[in-house]
């Protein structure tokens, strides 16, 4: 039996009216997270994504990188395709921005196997190839343009220039950095030294 969104919230928070929610715990069972990751409800997926990203909660035992990446691909693909307008789910462009930051963080983490990044790149390429013009535009503008601001990541995607379909995405995304476009997306935070 799957839980409703309201049941999941009630399990983790006290939700007083007109006041900040109070967490009931700081630990969430991996089995619960796995069940929510398998949901077809985009709001539950968005909530689960937020929960995993929230340092306030610890998943026990920890979620594996491969399981996390598979969930992220499924969730981002739904958001990029459906452009939901929910309380917890990300819009298509918001998911694209999150993808930039996730990809760049994984790129900077030397413990992450390059095969994980290759898998994400291949997934994004397949999503682009199967997408309509709206999805393709979103992938280029929300994600690729900002990934390509970083030379090493741009070079990682250079094989796309040799693919008949992906070459269009590669060229369009490259126009951003070639034109001087920059953003803080995907870059490590800078602060006082």
C-alpha atoms as a PDB file:
ATOM      1  CA  UNK A   1       0.000   0.000   0.000  1.00  0.00           C
ATOM      2  CA  UNK A   2       1.414   3.388  -0.909  1.00  0.00           C
ATOM      3  CA  UNK A   3       1.209   6.324   1.415  1.00  0.00           C
ATOM      4  CA  UNK A   4      -0.497   9.557   0.533  1.00  0.00           C
ATOM      5  CA  UNK A   5       1.502  12.747   0.435  1.00  0.00           C
ATOM      6  CA  UNK A   6      -0.264  13.906   3.604  1.00  0.00           C
ATOM      7  CA  UNK A   7       0.663  10.685   5.431  1.00  0.00           C
ATOM      8  CA  UNK A   8       4.309  11.123   4.499  1.00  0.00           C
ATOM      9  CA  UNK A   9       4.329  14.713   5.756  1.00  0.00           C
ATOM     10  CA  UNK A  10       2.601  13.699   9.006  1.00  0.00           C
ATOM     11  CA  UNK A  11       5.209  10.982   9.535  1.00  0.00           C
ATOM     12  CA  UNK A  12       8.086  13.471   9.424  1.00  0.00           C
ATOM     13  CA  UNK A  13       6.718  16.811  10.629  1.00  0.00           C
ATOM     14  CA  UNK A  14       4.388  18.478  13.029  1.00  0.00           C
ATOM     15  CA  UNK A  15       2.605  21.023  10.835  1.00  0.00           C
ATOM     16  CA  UNK A  16       1.039  23.760  12.950  1.00  0.00           C
ATOM     17  CA  UNK A  17      -1.174  26.202  11.112  1.00  0.00           C
ATOM     18  CA  UNK A  18       0.532  29.490  10.273  1.00  0.00           C
ATOM     19  CA  UNK A  19       3.818  28.414  11.846  1.00  0.00           C
ATOM     20  CA  UNK A  20       7.029  26.763  10.746  1.00  0.00           C
ATOM     21  CA  UNK A  21       6.888  22.994  10.439  1.00  0.00           C
ATOM     22  CA  UNK A  22       8.727  21.133  13.190  1.00  0.00           C
ATOM     23  CA  UNK A  23      10.644  17.965  12.250  1.00  0.00           C
ATOM     24  CA  UNK A  24       9.700  14.903  14.290  1.00  0.00           C
ATOM     25  CA  UNK A  25      13.013  13.206  13.537  1.00  0.00           C
ATOM     26  CA  UNK A  26      16.364  13.822  11.911  1.00  0.00           C
ATOM     27  CA  UNK A  27      16.665  10.281  10.535  1.00  0.00           C
ATOM     28  CA  UNK A  28      14.619   8.727   7.750  1.00  0.00           C
ATOM     29  CA  UNK A  29      14.753   5.016   6.948  1.00  0.00           C
ATOM     30  CA  UNK A  30      16.191   4.159   3.551  1.00  0.00           C
ATOM     31  CA  UNK A  31      13.271   1.767   3.024  1.00  0.00           C
ATOM     32  CA  UNK A  32      10.852   4.716   3.329  1.00  0.00           C
ATOM     33  CA  UNK A  33      12.907   6.830   0.928  1.00  0.00           C
ATOM     34  CA  UNK A  34      13.071   3.953  -1.567  1.00  0.00           C
ATOM     35  CA  UNK A  35       9.294   3.523  -1.418  1.00  0.00           C
ATOM     36  CA  UNK A  36       8.767   7.250  -2.035  1.00  0.00           C
ATOM     37  CA  UNK A  37      11.337   7.253  -4.865  1.00  0.00           C
ATOM     38  CA  UNK A  38       9.249   4.569  -6.595  1.00  0.00           C
ATOM     39  CA  UNK A  39       6.064   6.655  -6.455  1.00  0.00           C
ATOM     40  CA  UNK A  40       4.346   7.825  -9.632  1.00  0.00           C
ATOM     41  CA  UNK A  41       3.121  10.987  -7.871  1.00  0.00           C
ATOM     42  CA  UNK A  42       5.313  13.893  -9.026  1.00  0.00           C
ATOM     43  CA  UNK A  43       4.699  15.740  -5.749  1.00  0.00           C
ATOM     44  CA  UNK A  44       5.941  12.776  -3.710  1.00  0.00           C
ATOM     45  CA  UNK A  45       8.973  12.577  -5.998  1.00  0.00           C
ATOM     46  CA  UNK A  46       9.618  16.301  -5.527  1.00  0.00           C
ATOM     47  CA  UNK A  47       9.234  15.974  -1.775  1.00  0.00           C
ATOM     48  CA  UNK A  48      11.621  12.998  -1.738  1.00  0.00           C
ATOM     49  CA  UNK A  49      14.153  14.961  -3.794  1.00  0.00           C
ATOM     50  CA  UNK A  50      13.927  17.841  -1.300  1.00  0.00           C
ATOM     51  CA  UNK A  51      14.201  15.465   1.645  1.00  0.00           C
ATOM     52  CA  UNK A  52      17.347  13.807   0.286  1.00  0.00           C
ATOM     53  CA  UNK A  53      18.868  17.241  -0.390  1.00  0.00           C
ATOM     54  CA  UNK A  54      17.981  18.631   3.046  1.00  0.00           C
ATOM     55  CA  UNK A  55      20.874  18.450   5.522  1.00  0.00           C
ATOM     56  CA  UNK A  56      18.313  18.446   8.319  1.00  0.00           C
ATOM     57  CA  UNK A  57      17.549  14.798   7.539  1.00  0.00           C
ATOM     58  CA  UNK A  58      19.860  11.799   7.390  1.00  0.00           C
ATOM     59  CA  UNK A  59      18.891   8.714   5.416  1.00  0.00           C
ATOM     60  CA  UNK A  60      19.853   5.507   7.272  1.00  0.00           C
ATOM     61  CA  UNK A  61      21.467   3.479   5.952  1.00  0.00           C
ATOM     62  CA  UNK A  62      22.741   6.014   3.407  1.00  0.00           C
ATOM     63  CA  UNK A  63      21.406   5.895  -0.122  1.00  0.00           C
ATOM     64  CA  UNK A  64      23.940   4.618  -2.656  1.00  0.00           C
ATOM     65  CA  UNK A  65      25.224   6.920  -5.374  1.00  0.00           C
ATOM     66  CA  UNK A  66      23.861   4.661  -8.106  1.00  0.00           C
ATOM     67  CA  UNK A  67      20.396   4.553  -6.546  1.00  0.00           C
ATOM     68  CA  UNK A  68      20.441   8.330  -6.065  1.00  0.00           C
ATOM     69  CA  UNK A  69      21.473   8.968  -9.679  1.00  0.00           C
ATOM     70  CA  UNK A  70      18.782   6.615 -11.018  1.00  0.00           C
ATOM     71  CA  UNK A  71      16.179   8.448  -8.925  1.00  0.00           C
ATOM     72  CA  UNK A  72      17.459  11.856 -10.038  1.00  0.00           C
ATOM     73  CA  UNK A  73      17.288  10.864 -13.704  1.00  0.00           C
ATOM     74  CA  UNK A  74      13.725   9.635 -13.285  1.00  0.00           C
ATOM     75  CA  UNK A  75      12.630  12.716 -11.329  1.00  0.00           C
ATOM     76  CA  UNK A  76      14.383  15.279 -13.550  1.00  0.00           C
ATOM     77  CA  UNK A  77      13.057  13.582 -16.684  1.00  0.00           C
ATOM     78  CA  UNK A  78       9.501  13.842 -15.379  1.00  0.00           C
ATOM     79  CA  UNK A  79      10.024  17.511 -14.498  1.00  0.00           C
ATOM     80  CA  UNK A  80      11.695  18.377 -17.797  1.00  0.00           C
ATOM     81  CA  UNK A  81       8.951  16.645 -19.797  1.00  0.00           C
ATOM     82  CA  UNK A  82       5.883  17.577 -17.737  1.00  0.00           C
ATOM     83  CA  UNK A  83       6.812  21.030 -16.357  1.00  0.00           C
ATOM     84  CA  UNK A  84       4.771  20.471 -13.173  1.00  0.00           C
ATOM     85  CA  UNK A  85       3.429  23.373 -11.151  1.00  0.00           C
ATOM     86  CA  UNK A  86       3.231  21.789  -7.728  1.00  0.00           C
ATOM     87  CA  UNK A  87       4.261  22.786  -4.262  1.00  0.00           C
ATOM     88  CA  UNK A  88       7.178  20.305  -4.094  1.00  0.00           C
ATOM     89  CA  UNK A  89       7.918  19.333  -7.688  1.00  0.00           C
ATOM     90  CA  UNK A  90      10.322  21.346  -9.827  1.00  0.00           C
ATOM     91  CA  UNK A  91       9.332  23.104 -13.032  1.00  0.00           C
ATOM     92  CA  UNK A  92      11.218  22.091 -16.158  1.00  0.00           C
ATOM     93  CA  UNK A  93      13.663  25.003 -15.966  1.00  0.00           C
ATOM     94  CA  UNK A  94      14.157  24.596 -12.212  1.00  0.00           C
ATOM     95  CA  UNK A  95      15.011  20.924 -12.762  1.00  0.00           C
ATOM     96  CA  UNK A  96      17.464  21.952 -15.492  1.00  0.00           C
ATOM     97  CA  UNK A  97      19.192  24.364 -13.122  1.00  0.00           C
ATOM     98  CA  UNK A  98      19.357  21.680 -10.422  1.00  0.00           C
ATOM     99  CA  UNK A  99      20.850  19.302 -12.981  1.00  0.00           C
ATOM    100  CA  UNK A 100      23.646  21.806 -13.700  1.00  0.00           C
ATOM    101  CA  UNK A 101      24.492  22.064 -10.011  1.00  0.00           C
ATOM    102  CA  UNK A 102      24.308  18.297  -9.461  1.00  0.00           C
ATOM    103  CA  UNK A 103      26.424  17.491 -12.513  1.00  0.00           C
ATOM    104  CA  UNK A 104      29.061  20.063 -11.548  1.00  0.00           C
ATOM    105  CA  UNK A 105      29.168  18.841  -7.935  1.00  0.00           C
ATOM    106  CA  UNK A 106      29.639  15.252  -9.105  1.00  0.00           C
ATOM    107  CA  UNK A 107      32.269  16.463 -11.585  1.00  0.00           C
ATOM    108  CA  UNK A 108      34.285  18.128  -8.794  1.00  0.00           C
ATOM    109  CA  UNK A 109      34.027  15.097  -6.499  1.00  0.00           C
ATOM    110  CA  UNK A 110      37.040  12.906  -7.256  1.00  0.00           C
ATOM    111  CA  UNK A 111      35.399   9.929  -5.535  1.00  0.00           C
ATOM    112  CA  UNK A 112      32.619   9.854  -8.159  1.00  0.00           C
ATOM    113  CA  UNK A 113      33.457   7.422 -10.967  1.00  0.00           C
ATOM    114  CA  UNK A 114      33.561   9.103 -14.392  1.00  0.00           C
ATOM    115  CA  UNK A 115      31.180   6.376 -15.551  1.00  0.00           C
ATOM    116  CA  UNK A 116      28.460   8.039 -13.448  1.00  0.00           C
ATOM    117  CA  UNK A 117      28.986  11.293 -15.340  1.00  0.00           C
ATOM    118  CA  UNK A 118      29.074   9.464 -18.671  1.00  0.00           C
ATOM    119  CA  UNK A 119      25.773   7.817 -17.753  1.00  0.00           C
ATOM    120  CA  UNK A 120      24.203  11.210 -16.952  1.00  0.00           C
ATOM    121  CA  UNK A 121      25.539  12.654 -20.209  1.00  0.00           C
ATOM    122  CA  UNK A 122      24.162   9.718 -22.218  1.00  0.00           C
ATOM    123  CA  UNK A 123      20.805   9.946 -20.440  1.00  0.00           C
ATOM    124  CA  UNK A 124      20.593  13.674 -21.190  1.00  0.00           C
ATOM    125  CA  UNK A 125      21.530  13.030 -24.818  1.00  0.00           C
ATOM    126  CA  UNK A 126      18.814  10.397 -25.192  1.00  0.00           C
ATOM    127  CA  UNK A 127      16.297  12.694 -23.519  1.00  0.00           C
ATOM    128  CA  UNK A 128      17.229  15.453 -25.970  1.00  0.00           C
ATOM    129  CA  UNK A 129      16.997  13.116 -28.976  1.00  0.00           C
ATOM    130  CA  UNK A 130      13.549  11.832 -27.974  1.00  0.00           C
ATOM    131  CA  UNK A 131      12.256  15.261 -26.991  1.00  0.00           C
ATOM    132  CA  UNK A 132      10.079  17.716 -28.829  1.00  0.00           C
ATOM    133  CA  UNK A 133      11.309  21.234 -29.610  1.00  0.00           C
ATOM    134  CA  UNK A 134      10.112  22.593 -26.248  1.00  0.00           C
ATOM    135  CA  UNK A 135      12.010  19.949 -24.275  1.00  0.00           C
ATOM    136  CA  UNK A 136      15.117  20.409 -26.412  1.00  0.00           C
ATOM    137  CA  UNK A 137      15.070  24.170 -25.885  1.00  0.00           C
ATOM    138  CA  UNK A 138      14.709  23.679 -22.134  1.00  0.00           C
ATOM    139  CA  UNK A 139      17.645  21.243 -21.990  1.00  0.00           C
ATOM    140  CA  UNK A 140      19.856  23.684 -23.907  1.00  0.00           C
ATOM    141  CA  UNK A 141      18.875  26.854 -22.031  1.00  0.00           C
ATOM    142  CA  UNK A 142      18.384  25.535 -18.504  1.00  0.00           C
ATOM    143  CA  UNK A 143      21.197  22.987 -18.381  1.00  0.00           C
ATOM    144  CA  UNK A 144      23.720  22.705 -21.211  1.00  0.00           C
ATOM    145  CA  UNK A 145      24.470  26.420 -21.614  1.00  0.00           C
ATOM    146  CA  UNK A 146      25.487  26.647 -17.972  1.00  0.00           C
ATOM    147  CA  UNK A 147      27.345  23.329 -17.902  1.00  0.00           C
ATOM    148  CA  UNK A 148      29.356  24.502 -20.906  1.00  0.00           C
ATOM    149  CA  UNK A 149      30.562  27.594 -19.027  1.00  0.00           C
ATOM    150  CA  UNK A 150      33.066  25.221 -17.438  1.00  0.00           C
ATOM    151  CA  UNK A 151      35.721  24.233 -19.964  1.00  0.00           C
ATOM    152  CA  UNK A 152      36.317  20.732 -18.590  1.00  0.00           C
ATOM    153  CA  UNK A 153      32.617  19.871 -18.694  1.00  0.00           C
ATOM    154  CA  UNK A 154      32.279  21.413 -22.146  1.00  0.00           C
ATOM    155  CA  UNK A 155      35.155  19.208 -23.349  1.00  0.00           C
ATOM    156  CA  UNK A 156      33.467  16.164 -21.777  1.00  0.00           C
ATOM    157  CA  UNK A 157      30.468  16.832 -24.053  1.00  0.00           C
ATOM    158  CA  UNK A 158      32.611  17.431 -27.167  1.00  0.00           C
ATOM    159  CA  UNK A 159      31.590  14.082 -28.687  1.00  0.00           C
ATOM    160  CA  UNK A 160      28.085  15.516 -29.065  1.00  0.00           C
ATOM    161  CA  UNK A 161      29.411  17.745 -31.863  1.00  0.00           C
ATOM    162  CA  UNK A 162      29.903  14.585 -33.969  1.00  0.00           C
ATOM    163  CA  UNK A 163      26.321  13.328 -33.542  1.00  0.00           C
ATOM    164  CA  UNK A 164      23.819  14.551 -36.125  1.00  0.00           C
ATOM    165  CA  UNK A 165      21.102  15.391 -33.562  1.00  0.00           C
ATOM    166  CA  UNK A 166      23.213  16.288 -30.524  1.00  0.00           C
ATOM    167  CA  UNK A 167      25.426  18.598 -32.616  1.00  0.00           C
ATOM    168  CA  UNK A 168      22.529  21.069 -32.701  1.00  0.00           C
ATOM    169  CA  UNK A 169      22.305  21.062 -28.887  1.00  0.00           C
ATOM    170  CA  UNK A 170      26.081  21.357 -28.588  1.00  0.00           C
ATOM    171  CA  UNK A 171      26.241  24.328 -30.955  1.00  0.00           C
ATOM    172  CA  UNK A 172      23.274  26.143 -29.393  1.00  0.00           C
ATOM    173  CA  UNK A 173      24.607  25.615 -25.863  1.00  0.00           C
ATOM    174  CA  UNK A 174      28.089  26.770 -26.905  1.00  0.00           C
ATOM    175  CA  UNK A 175      26.719  30.099 -28.146  1.00  0.00           C
ATOM    176  CA  UNK A 176      26.106  31.099 -24.509  1.00  0.00           C
ATOM    177  CA  UNK A 177      29.710  30.864 -23.316  1.00  0.00           C
ATOM    178  CA  UNK A 178      31.097  32.080 -26.666  1.00  0.00           C
ATOM    179  CA  UNK A 179      28.980  35.200 -26.240  1.00  0.00           C
ATOM    180  CA  UNK A 180      30.395  35.799 -22.768  1.00  0.00           C
ATOM    181  CA  UNK A 181      27.464  34.368 -20.841  1.00  0.00           C
ATOM    182  CA  UNK A 182      28.239  33.407 -17.275  1.00  0.00           C
ATOM    183  CA  UNK A 183      26.231  32.448 -14.234  1.00  0.00           C
ATOM    184  CA  UNK A 184      26.978  31.123 -10.744  1.00  0.00           C
ATOM    185  CA  UNK A 185      25.304  27.808 -11.633  1.00  0.00           C
ATOM    186  CA  UNK A 186      27.401  24.722 -11.122  1.00  0.00           C
ATOM    187  CA  UNK A 187      30.295  26.615  -9.620  1.00  0.00           C
ATOM    188  CA  UNK A 188      31.608  26.088  -6.099  1.00  0.00           C
ATOM    189  CA  UNK A 189      30.400  28.738  -3.668  1.00  0.00           C
ATOM    190  CA  UNK A 190      32.869  31.537  -3.140  1.00  0.00           C
ATOM    191  CA  UNK A 191      33.116  33.365   0.095  1.00  0.00           C
ATOM    192  CA  UNK A 192      35.502  35.127   2.396  1.00  0.00           C
ATOM    193  CA  UNK A 193      38.906  33.486   2.487  1.00  0.00           C
END
